[in-house]
Amino acid sequence: MLFLFTMPFALQAQLNKRIKRAAKQTVENKAAQKTAETVDDGIDKSIDAVKGLFSKKKNDRDTGEQNEMADKEQPGGSSNASSPADTAINDFAVFSKFTFIPGDKVLFYDDFSLDAAGDFPVNWETGGSGEVVKLGNDPGNWLSLQRRSGYVPTMPAALPENYTIEFDLVTNGYGKSGASSKLHLGFVVKKAYSMGQAGSSADIELLLSRYFTVNRVSNFGSEAKIKVGTNIVRQLPELTNARMHISIAVNKQRLRCWINEEKYVDVPSILQGNMGKYFIIEAMDVRPENGQFAAISNFRIAETGEDLRSKLMKDGKFSTSGIFFNTNAAMVKKESYGVMKSIANLLKSDNNIKLQIVGHTDDVGNNASNQELSVRRAEAVKNILVKEFQIEESRLQFSGKGETTPIDDNTTEKGRANNRRVEFIKF
């Protein structure tokens, strides 16, 4: 009788506990949902604000494509006739101080074109968060860097002694508010999701604040036998809430970094021990819920090999994947200035050298279109050498092979990046 009398009270107590747990879970779920909505709203507002950064680029691209449509020259052969394939020689000259030469063998490439918006990219790893986003009228995808997260490109092996890294960076949400974040470009001794976990490392610190600032370069850890710590503090207000191109060159212990055409870092002995065998981008306090935004795209790592003269003298030819073009267009990008200048210097050093310029594409699109595109790209390179660097036109010929002679696997992003190249053959 006592058992029967007390049983309803026990059941009621259990029921009360379940109700409390359910209520608590509901509150937590609502809080999490509200946080997610706040973050999504912050990202959306940041993306809306970034759209203006891409309107000029779209107009430039449209103008270039219209000019290219006017070019009706048939592909093939080695014609030296002048045509409007290159429409950006004046813009190209603004990078006249750019001395960066990208590596010629692509080890890793990702423009996030195969990733769905809202997902984390398949070729990257992180211990934090991030997602692929689209920005305004820009046709490409971008990886949004968020909060305190490290981003590591997935690669099968450690990096070589000599290599280059390039990527586009866009930021927004900084300036008047006084909020600040940081990005660390880290060169670490082992694969890790933060520089702290990696142990010894060197890094370039970029401050995202009222002014975009190249803030500091330093190394630390047991492998740093000689400590290097340099406060650069170059404030660049024109790059606050802007799009920029970042180029990095690693040559054994030497580390250099350019932003657009200007070199800001050149430290000859900072990468000690195994520093630089792996690379990480670490975001610090980039808060989308507060309207802060940072994203990267067109990320490329390439191994640096022999210099151009050595290749030409030994093999009678050389090729480079470091001359860049807009997608499906023959306009040479400004970031190609360093490579173009080195080729021009090679030609100026020996007036007897004559070069056949051969364009190559990947296999995206149909064969006929790629053949035509490869010819127009080779012609654009020739035009810049003649008009910008004053190379005699009689020393240059151009042709294209389209997608017919790949040197790498066209089923991968890295392979396609290697196949998009310009070849120079001595004749």
Foldseek 3Di string as FASTA:
>chain_A
DVCVVCVVVVVVVVVVVVVVVVVVVVVVVVVVVVVVVLLVVLQVVLLVVLQVQCPVVVVVVVVQVVQVVVDDDAADDWDLDDGPQADCLVVLCVLVLAQDDAAFAFQDWFQCQVPDFPDDRPQKDKPPDWTWDDHHPDPTIWIWDAAWMKIFGHGPFFDDQKKKKKWKKFKDDAAPVQDKKKKKKKFAQDDDTDNVVRFWIWTFIWMQHNFTWRAWTWIDGPQCPDTDIDGQGDTHRVRHRHMWMKMWIGRRQWIWIDIHSRTRDTDHHHQGDRGRRTIMMTIHGQRSSSNIIMIIGGITMHGHDDQPVVCCVVPQKDKGLLFDDDPLGQHTDSSSSNVLVSVLVVCVVDVVWAKEKEWEAACPDDQSSQQVRRQSNSSNSLVSSCPVVVRDSVRYTYHYDGHPDQPADSVDPSRRSSRRMMMIGTD
